Amino acid sequence: MKNKRLLLTLLSMFLMLQLAAAYIYVINSESRTLSRIDTETNEVNNNFAQLGLTANLMDLDEDHIWVVCSGDNAILELDRHTGAQIRYINVEASSNPYDVLKIGDYLYVTGLFSDKVYKISLVSGSVVASLTVGSAPQGLATDGNYLFVTNTGGYQNDFVGSSLSVINLNDFSLQTTMDLWTNPQFVIVHGDKLHVSCTGNWGNIAGKVQVIDIATLQIEASVDLGGQPGGIWIADDERALVGNGLGLGYYLYMADSYQVINGYTNLLQPGAYTVDGNSEEIALLKQNWGDNSILYLRNYDLTPKAQYTLGHASSDLKFYIPPTSNDDLVLQPKMNVYPNPALKNGILNFESEAKATMKVSVYDIKGRKVLETESLSGNVSLDLAGKGLSSGMYLYKVQQRDRIKSGKFIVM
């Protein structure tokens, strides 16, 4: 019986280690290759898969990667585990497909030159429907009920007619189209809001992020970042990181309060065209045309972790994070953090149901670590007196067993 318990314990530990491993996939458009980075071993394979002509953006699931090959007017389906080509899925001649999103048994693809969104069956591997939206559609996102499409208006038209189209996924019908700021390229769903990164016209019209309430489809806020905002990613602690279209740096604002921490005049470094991340790591992609692109891997607090050399003109990156099982979710211990707001000379408590070693790290709004402590009991009472904390918002990260919880609190 003891040996059996030991075997089960070792197996459980092995599975947790396997789940902790994360891969980053990067499209190298000019090199026509797909890179795969193992963040656990730091192994980089810049020829993991061969791609088609003018590869743009991608989507993936547990077993597949779908790469938009704009120059081929097709979607390339790859085996995520081996990089082997499975099939080419034709879209439409001269459509210049741009972005792809998998929802259920279908792929949804924007046609930059055709002003359409295409619905592709993964069963038949063919287009089963198309829908005309706004001018020069690019980015895609979904909340499960609707498909959101950013229509840039097109460079040749100086991005006039920039808009957002909303498609009902139940019957693939156009719900509405609403006007947006100039050149909306990237869109993500965060809670009950859409965050749309509008790049501007690359000249006299600066970019911003527009936040849209999904329930009312009303613009709730415009976050004036300036410059040329690019790809966007939002962390669990509400930090929104946005690349810069020219790769000059990256922006930071708070997704809940819309407070700009780092705008165009004080961009964070290094340069990044787009951003992606998870609960432990953040990846910043520096796109270099005619030269090797660079991926900068950061810890969750934005401190440097690793740097990787990629192929030429990298255009997209995606983390693959192994799915969490229902058992893992059930077994995840509850944790309370209180009081919030906390007094600058008071006590901030972290209490977990799991009686295991707990490590608590506190960061200021720019990601600089200001406090850190550890407890063996699963509870931490952090005395803030004499720590020199000024009033304002702070971020915390709690590590316990293989779990990480992050959030924010206010000091008064």
Protein backbone atom coordinates (compact mmCIF):
# COMPACT_ATOMS: atom_id res chain seq x y z
CA MET A 1 0.00 0.00 0.00
CA LYS A 2 2.84 2.41 0.87
CA ASN A 3 4.55 1.70 -2.44
CA LYS A 4 1.30 2.32 -4.28
CA ARG A 5 0.85 5.67 -2.52
CA LEU A 6 4.44 6.63 -3.34
CA LEU A 7 3.90 5.72 -6.99
CA LEU A 8 0.72 7.81 -7.16
CA THR A 9 2.50 10.74 -5.52
CA LEU A 10 5.38 10.58 -7.98
CA LEU A 11 2.97 10.29 -10.89
CA SER A 12 1.02 13.31 -9.66
CA MET A 13 4.24 15.33 -9.35
CA PHE A 14 5.27 14.29 -12.85
CA LEU A 15 1.92 15.36 -14.30
CA MET A 16 2.12 18.73 -12.56
CA LEU A 17 5.57 19.29 -14.04
CA GLN A 18 4.22 18.38 -17.46
CA LEU A 19 1.34 20.83 -17.07
CA ALA A 20 3.76 23.58 -16.01
CA ALA A 21 5.63 23.43 -19.33
CA ALA A 22 4.63 26.14 -21.79
CA TYR A 23 5.41 26.56 -25.47
CA ILE A 24 5.54 29.81 -27.43
CA TYR A 25 4.86 29.68 -31.16
CA VAL A 26 6.03 32.52 -33.43
CA ILE A 27 5.30 33.14 -37.12
CA ASN A 28 8.35 34.32 -39.09
CA SER A 29 6.69 35.83 -42.14
CA GLU A 30 9.73 36.60 -44.32
CA SER A 31 11.52 33.38 -43.36
CA ARG A 32 8.29 31.42 -44.00
CA THR A 33 8.86 29.34 -40.86
CA LEU A 34 7.20 28.75 -37.50
CA SER A 35 9.36 28.91 -34.36
CA ARG A 36 8.64 26.90 -31.23
CA ILE A 37 10.16 27.86 -27.89
CA ASP A 38 10.12 25.59 -24.84
CA THR A 39 10.13 28.03 -21.92
CA GLU A 40 11.13 25.31 -19.48
CA THR A 41 14.27 24.13 -21.32
CA ASN A 42 14.86 27.34 -23.37
CA GLU A 43 15.11 25.19 -26.48
CA VAL A 44 14.36 27.16 -29.68
CA ASN A 45 13.42 25.50 -32.96
CA ASN A 46 13.19 28.18 -35.64
CA ASN A 47 12.24 25.61 -38.28
CA PHE A 48 9.50 23.80 -36.40
CA ALA A 49 7.25 24.11 -39.46
CA GLN A 50 7.41 25.46 -43.00
CA LEU A 51 4.82 28.10 -43.81
CA GLY A 52 3.22 29.51 -46.95
CA LEU A 53 3.48 32.91 -48.58
CA THR A 54 3.12 36.00 -46.38
CA ALA A 55 2.07 34.27 -43.17
CA ASN A 56 0.24 36.71 -40.89
CA LEU A 57 -1.66 35.62 -37.76
CA MET A 58 -2.60 32.26 -36.21
CA ASP A 59 -4.79 30.41 -33.75
CA LEU A 60 -4.25 27.07 -32.04
CA ASP A 61 -5.76 24.39 -29.84
CA GLU A 62 -4.44 21.28 -28.12
CA ASP A 63 -3.62 19.44 -31.36
CA HIS A 64 -3.58 22.00 -34.19
CA ILE A 65 -2.18 25.33 -35.33
CA TRP A 66 -3.93 27.36 -38.04
CA VAL A 67 -1.75 29.89 -39.86
CA VAL A 68 -3.13 32.55 -42.19
CA CYS A 69 -1.08 32.59 -45.42
CA SER A 70 -2.23 35.84 -46.98
CA GLY A 71 -0.21 35.45 -50.17
CA ASP A 72 -1.72 32.01 -50.81
CA ASN A 73 -5.27 33.11 -49.90
CA ALA A 74 -5.39 30.05 -47.66
CA ILE A 75 -5.21 28.71 -44.11
CA LEU A 76 -2.40 26.24 -43.34
CA GLU A 77 -3.37 23.59 -40.77
CA LEU A 78 -0.44 22.11 -38.81
CA ASP A 79 0.03 19.40 -36.21
CA ARG A 80 0.85 21.31 -33.02
CA HIS A 81 2.98 18.49 -31.64
CA THR A 82 5.19 17.83 -34.68
CA GLY A 83 4.79 20.85 -36.96
CA ALA A 84 3.75 18.56 -39.82
CA GLN A 85 1.46 20.00 -42.48
CA ILE A 86 -2.06 18.53 -42.38
CA ARG A 87 -3.81 20.48 -45.15
CA TYR A 88 -4.25 23.79 -46.94
CA ILE A 89 -7.73 25.29 -46.72
CA ASN A 90 -8.51 27.70 -49.56
CA VAL A 91 -10.41 30.86 -48.65
CA GLU A 92 -11.18 32.98 -51.73
CA ALA A 93 -9.03 34.28 -54.57
CA SER A 94 -7.61 37.78 -53.93
CA SER A 95 -9.21 37.89 -50.46
CA ASN A 96 -5.87 38.37 -48.63
CA PRO A 97 -6.97 36.57 -45.43
CA TYR A 98 -5.52 38.23 -42.32
CA ASP A 99 -6.68 36.76 -38.99
CA VAL A 100 -8.14 33.39 -37.95
CA LEU A 101 -10.11 32.31 -34.88
CA LYS A 102 -11.31 28.80 -34.02
CA ILE A 103 -14.73 28.57 -32.38
CA GLY A 104 -16.16 25.07 -31.96
CA ASP A 105 -15.96 23.15 -35.24
CA TYR A 106 -15.39 26.24 -37.38
CA LEU A 107 -12.66 28.67 -38.32
CA TYR A 108 -13.55 32.33 -38.81
CA VAL A 109 -11.24 34.28 -41.13
CA THR A 110 -11.08 37.97 -42.09
CA GLY A 111 -10.56 38.92 -45.75
CA LEU A 112 -8.60 42.17 -45.83
CA PHE A 113 -9.19 42.79 -49.55
CA SER A 114 -12.67 41.26 -49.88
CA ASP A 115 -14.29 43.05 -46.88
CA LYS A 116 -15.67 39.69 -45.73
CA VAL A 117 -15.56 37.27 -42.83
CA TYR A 118 -15.45 33.61 -43.87
CA LYS A 119 -16.85 30.65 -41.95
CA ILE A 120 -14.87 27.47 -42.59
CA SER A 121 -15.96 23.99 -41.55
CA LEU A 122 -13.18 21.96 -39.97
CA VAL A 123 -15.06 18.82 -40.97
CA SER A 124 -15.16 19.53 -44.70
CA GLY A 125 -12.15 21.85 -44.80
CA SER A 126 -14.00 24.39 -46.94
CA VAL A 127 -15.76 27.75 -46.74
CA VAL A 128 -19.44 27.19 -45.87
CA ALA A 129 -20.51 30.85 -45.57
CA SER A 130 -19.23 34.39 -45.88
CA LEU A 131 -20.50 37.72 -44.66
CA THR A 132 -19.68 41.25 -45.84
CA VAL A 133 -18.63 43.48 -42.95
CA GLY A 134 -16.77 46.82 -42.94
CA SER A 135 -13.83 47.93 -45.05
CA ALA A 136 -10.51 46.03 -44.72
CA PRO A 137 -11.32 43.78 -41.73
CA GLN A 138 -8.39 42.48 -39.67
CA GLY A 139 -8.73 41.42 -36.01
CA LEU A 140 -11.10 38.88 -34.45
CA ALA A 141 -12.32 38.10 -30.93
CA THR A 142 -15.29 36.33 -29.34
CA ASP A 143 -17.18 36.16 -26.07
CA GLY A 144 -18.81 32.87 -27.08
CA ASN A 145 -22.01 34.47 -28.34
CA TYR A 146 -20.72 37.08 -30.76
CA LEU A 147 -17.80 37.45 -33.14
CA PHE A 148 -16.17 40.88 -33.04
CA VAL A 149 -14.40 42.11 -36.17
CA THR A 150 -12.19 45.21 -36.45
CA ASN A 151 -12.54 47.00 -39.79
CA THR A 152 -9.50 49.21 -40.38
CA GLY A 153 -10.88 51.17 -43.34
CA GLY A 154 -7.75 50.38 -45.33
CA TYR A 155 -4.41 52.14 -45.74
CA GLN A 156 -5.26 53.30 -49.27
CA ASN A 157 -8.32 55.12 -47.87
CA ASP A 158 -6.37 56.66 -44.97
CA PHE A 159 -8.44 54.35 -42.71
CA VAL A 160 -11.67 56.26 -43.29
CA GLY A 161 -14.63 54.19 -42.08
CA SER A 162 -12.80 52.45 -39.22
CA SER A 163 -15.40 50.38 -37.38
CA LEU A 164 -16.32 47.27 -35.41
CA SER A 165 -18.71 44.66 -36.78
CA VAL A 166 -20.62 42.35 -34.44
CA ILE A 167 -21.68 38.96 -35.80
CA ASN A 168 -24.22 36.68 -34.12
CA LEU A 169 -22.59 33.24 -33.99
CA ASN A 170 -25.92 31.39 -33.73
CA ASP A 171 -26.97 32.19 -37.29
CA PHE A 172 -23.84 33.94 -38.63
CA SER A 173 -25.71 37.19 -39.20
CA LEU A 174 -24.49 40.76 -38.91
CA GLN A 175 -25.82 42.25 -35.66
CA THR A 176 -24.45 45.77 -36.05
CA THR A 177 -21.47 47.85 -37.13
CA MET A 178 -20.25 50.78 -35.03
CA ASP A 179 -17.70 53.54 -35.71
CA LEU A 180 -14.32 53.36 -34.00
CA TRP A 181 -11.12 55.37 -33.78
CA THR A 182 -8.64 55.28 -36.67
CA ASN A 183 -7.23 51.92 -37.81
CA PRO A 184 -8.47 49.38 -35.20
CA GLN A 185 -6.20 46.37 -35.70
CA PHE A 186 -6.27 44.28 -32.54
CA VAL A 187 -9.16 43.33 -30.24
CA ILE A 188 -9.49 41.17 -27.13
CA VAL A 189 -12.32 40.29 -24.75
CA HIS A 190 -11.65 41.07 -21.09
CA GLY A 191 -14.52 40.25 -18.76
CA ASP A 192 -17.61 42.01 -20.11
CA LYS A 193 -15.57 44.52 -22.09
CA LEU A 194 -13.79 44.71 -25.45
CA HIS A 195 -10.40 46.40 -25.62
CA VAL A 196 -9.63 47.53 -29.17
CA SER A 197 -6.13 48.73 -30.05
CA CYS A 198 -6.42 51.44 -32.71
CA THR A 199 -3.05 52.21 -34.30
CA GLY A 200 -3.85 55.60 -35.84
CA ASN A 201 -2.83 56.54 -39.38
CA TRP A 202 0.95 56.25 -38.84
CA GLY A 203 1.16 60.03 -39.23
CA ASN A 204 -0.79 62.91 -37.78
CA ILE A 205 -3.49 60.82 -36.04
CA ALA A 206 -2.20 59.16 -32.86
CA GLY A 207 -3.48 55.80 -31.66
CA LYS A 208 -5.55 54.85 -28.63
CA VAL A 209 -7.36 51.91 -27.05
CA GLN A 210 -11.14 52.05 -27.06
CA VAL A 211 -13.04 50.08 -24.41
CA ILE A 212 -16.52 48.85 -25.38
CA ASP A 213 -19.21 47.49 -23.07
CA ILE A 214 -20.34 44.23 -24.69
CA ALA A 215 -23.88 44.33 -23.28
CA THR A 216 -24.70 47.79 -24.64
CA LEU A 217 -22.13 48.01 -27.45
CA GLN A 218 -21.28 51.51 -26.27
CA ILE A 219 -17.78 52.98 -26.06
CA GLU A 220 -17.08 53.23 -22.35
CA ALA A 221 -13.61 54.79 -22.48
CA SER A 222 -10.87 55.89 -24.83
CA VAL A 223 -7.38 55.33 -23.44
CA ASP A 224 -5.10 57.89 -25.09
CA LEU A 225 -1.79 56.08 -25.45
CA GLY A 226 -0.40 58.12 -28.34
CA GLY A 227 1.97 56.89 -31.03
CA GLN A 228 1.05 53.65 -32.80
CA PRO A 229 -0.43 51.02 -30.42
CA GLY A 230 -0.06 47.41 -31.59
CA GLY A 231 -0.98 43.99 -30.17
CA ILE A 232 -2.58 43.89 -26.73
CA TRP A 233 -2.62 41.46 -23.78
CA ILE A 234 -4.19 41.89 -20.31
CA ALA A 235 -2.85 40.21 -17.16
CA ASP A 236 -4.95 38.83 -14.31
CA ASP A 237 -3.99 41.80 -12.14
CA GLU A 238 -5.53 44.20 -14.73
CA ARG A 239 -2.25 45.40 -16.25
CA ALA A 240 -2.83 45.92 -19.96
CA LEU A 241 0.34 45.65 -22.04
CA VAL A 242 0.26 47.00 -25.59
CA GLY A 243 2.97 46.75 -28.22
CA ASN A 244 4.08 49.66 -30.38
CA GLY A 245 3.55 49.34 -34.13
CA LEU A 246 7.04 50.68 -34.85
CA GLY A 247 8.66 48.54 -32.17
CA LEU A 248 9.84 51.57 -30.16
CA GLY A 249 8.77 50.10 -26.80
CA TYR A 250 5.50 49.03 -25.20
CA TYR A 251 2.65 50.67 -23.30
CA LEU A 252 1.08 49.92 -19.92
CA TYR A 253 -2.35 50.95 -18.65
CA MET A 254 -4.79 49.57 -16.07
CA ALA A 255 -7.67 47.72 -17.73
CA ASP A 256 -10.12 48.39 -14.90
CA SER A 257 -9.46 52.09 -14.23
CA TYR A 258 -8.05 53.02 -17.69
CA GLN A 259 -5.16 54.82 -15.99
CA VAL A 260 -2.20 55.20 -18.37
CA ILE A 261 1.05 54.28 -16.64
CA ASN A 262 3.34 54.26 -19.67
CA GLY A 263 2.20 56.12 -22.77
CA TYR A 264 4.03 57.14 -25.93
CA THR A 265 6.20 59.68 -24.09
CA ASN A 266 7.53 57.14 -21.56
CA LEU A 267 7.35 53.78 -23.32
CA LEU A 268 8.63 50.73 -21.48
CA GLN A 269 11.57 48.87 -23.00
CA PRO A 270 12.48 46.73 -24.90
CA GLY A 271 10.73 47.43 -28.19
CA ALA A 272 7.75 45.16 -28.88
CA TYR A 273 5.28 44.97 -31.74
CA THR A 274 2.89 42.67 -29.88
CA VAL A 275 2.55 40.97 -26.47
CA ASP A 276 1.26 37.69 -25.05
CA GLY A 277 1.54 36.02 -21.66
CA ASN A 278 0.21 33.77 -18.93
CA SER A 279 0.14 33.80 -15.12
CA GLU A 280 3.93 33.41 -14.88
CA GLU A 281 5.55 34.80 -18.03
CA ILE A 282 5.13 37.65 -20.50
CA ALA A 283 6.50 37.57 -24.05
CA LEU A 284 7.41 40.72 -25.98
CA LEU A 285 7.92 40.30 -29.73
CA LYS A 286 10.31 42.69 -31.48
CA GLN A 287 9.55 42.53 -35.21
CA ASN A 288 12.52 43.16 -37.51
CA TRP A 289 11.95 43.32 -41.27
CA GLY A 290 14.85 41.91 -43.28
CA ASP A 291 16.55 40.71 -40.11
CA ASN A 292 16.13 38.34 -37.19
CA SER A 293 13.30 39.25 -34.88
CA ILE A 294 13.75 39.00 -31.11
CA LEU A 295 11.45 37.60 -28.41
CA TYR A 296 12.03 38.97 -24.92
CA LEU A 297 10.65 36.74 -22.17
CA ARG A 298 9.81 38.49 -18.92
CA ASN A 299 8.73 37.25 -15.52
CA TYR A 300 5.25 38.27 -14.42
CA ASP A 301 6.76 41.32 -12.69
CA LEU A 302 8.42 42.33 -16.01
CA THR A 303 11.95 41.50 -14.85
CA PRO A 304 14.10 39.86 -17.59
CA LYS A 305 14.00 36.07 -17.87
CA ALA A 306 15.29 35.08 -21.32
CA GLN A 307 15.86 36.32 -24.86
CA TYR A 308 15.47 34.37 -28.12
CA THR A 309 16.58 35.06 -31.69
CA LEU A 310 13.92 34.19 -34.27
CA GLY A 311 13.42 34.31 -38.04
CA HIS A 312 12.84 37.41 -40.17
CA ALA A 313 9.81 39.69 -39.80
CA SER A 314 7.98 37.79 -37.05
CA SER A 315 4.30 38.73 -37.23
CA ASP A 316 2.52 36.86 -34.41
CA LEU A 317 3.12 34.88 -31.22
CA LYS A 318 0.94 32.61 -29.12
CA PHE A 319 1.48 30.87 -25.80
CA TYR A 320 0.20 27.33 -25.60
CA ILE A 321 -0.77 26.56 -22.01
CA PRO A 322 -1.91 22.99 -21.25
CA PRO A 323 -5.58 23.01 -20.20
CA THR A 324 -6.44 22.73 -16.53
CA SER A 325 -8.61 19.74 -15.66
CA ASN A 326 -11.89 20.06 -13.74
CA ASP A 327 -10.25 18.17 -10.87
CA ASP A 328 -7.51 20.78 -10.66
CA LEU A 329 -10.11 23.54 -10.50
CA VAL A 330 -12.05 21.77 -7.74
CA LEU A 331 -8.90 21.13 -5.72
CA GLN A 332 -7.60 24.69 -6.02
CA PRO A 333 -7.69 26.18 -2.50
CA LYS A 334 -9.60 29.38 -1.85
CA MET A 335 -7.64 32.41 -0.67
CA ASN A 336 -8.72 35.68 0.91
CA VAL A 337 -6.76 38.94 0.78
CA TYR A 338 -7.93 41.66 3.20
CA PRO A 339 -8.45 44.46 4.10
CA ASN A 340 -8.55 46.15 0.74
CA PRO A 341 -7.93 49.10 0.82
CA ALA A 342 -5.19 48.65 3.44
CA LEU A 343 -3.72 51.35 5.66
CA LYS A 344 -0.08 52.25 4.96
CA ASN A 345 0.76 51.46 8.60
CA GLY A 346 -1.66 48.55 8.86
CA ILE A 347 -1.68 44.77 8.27
CA LEU A 348 -2.49 43.09 4.95
CA ASN A 349 -3.61 39.48 5.37
CA PHE A 350 -3.30 36.57 2.92
CA GLU A 351 -5.22 33.49 4.08
CA SER A 352 -5.43 30.20 2.18
CA GLU A 353 -7.37 26.99 2.85
CA ALA A 354 -4.23 25.01 1.94
CA LYS A 355 -1.78 24.74 4.82
CA ALA A 356 1.31 24.83 2.62
CA THR A 357 4.25 27.19 2.13
CA MET A 358 3.11 30.54 0.80
CA LYS A 359 5.32 33.14 -0.87
CA VAL A 360 3.92 36.66 -1.23
CA SER A 361 5.47 39.30 -3.50
CA VAL A 362 4.25 42.91 -3.75
CA TYR A 363 4.98 45.22 -6.70
CA ASP A 364 4.33 48.85 -7.43
CA ILE A 365 2.25 49.84 -10.44
CA LYS A 366 5.32 49.80 -12.71
CA GLY A 367 6.14 46.22 -11.78
CA ARG A 368 9.01 46.93 -9.37
CA LYS A 369 9.15 44.53 -6.43
CA VAL A 370 8.78 46.42 -3.13
CA LEU A 371 8.05 43.67 -0.59
CA GLU A 372 8.42 39.91 -0.32
CA THR A 373 7.82 37.40 2.46
CA GLU A 374 7.22 33.69 2.97
CA SER A 375 5.31 31.55 5.46
CA LEU A 376 5.14 27.79 6.05
CA SER A 377 1.59 27.89 7.45
CA GLY A 378 -0.36 29.01 4.40
CA ASN A 379 -1.19 32.37 6.00
CA VAL A 380 0.72 35.65 5.79
CA SER A 381 0.10 38.80 7.80
CA LEU A 382 2.15 41.48 6.07
CA ASP A 383 2.99 44.46 8.30
CA LEU A 384 3.10 47.54 6.06
CA ALA A 385 4.33 49.88 8.81
CA GLY A 386 7.72 51.41 8.07
CA LYS A 387 7.89 49.90 4.58
CA GLY A 388 7.75 53.30 2.89
CA LEU A 389 4.70 52.55 0.77
CA SER A 390 2.97 55.64 -0.57
CA SER A 391 -0.76 55.81 -1.13
CA GLY A 392 -1.90 54.21 -4.36
CA MET A 393 -2.40 50.91 -6.15
CA TYR A 394 -0.11 47.88 -5.74
CA LEU A 395 0.02 44.43 -7.28
CA TYR A 396 0.55 41.13 -5.49
CA LYS A 397 1.52 37.61 -6.53
CA VAL A 398 1.01 34.62 -4.23
CA GLN A 399 2.75 31.30 -4.94
CA GLN A 400 1.54 28.19 -3.12
CA ARG A 401 2.33 24.65 -4.27
CA ASP A 402 1.91 24.77 -8.06
CA ARG A 403 -0.65 27.58 -7.89
CA ILE A 404 -0.16 31.27 -8.57
CA LYS A 405 -2.73 33.92 -7.69
CA SER A 406 -2.31 37.57 -8.54
CA GLY A 407 -4.34 40.67 -7.94
CA LYS A 408 -4.20 44.24 -6.74
CA PHE A 409 -4.84 46.23 -3.59
CA ILE A 410 -4.90 49.88 -2.57
CA VAL A 411 -2.85 51.52 0.18
CA MET A 412 -4.43 54.50 1.92
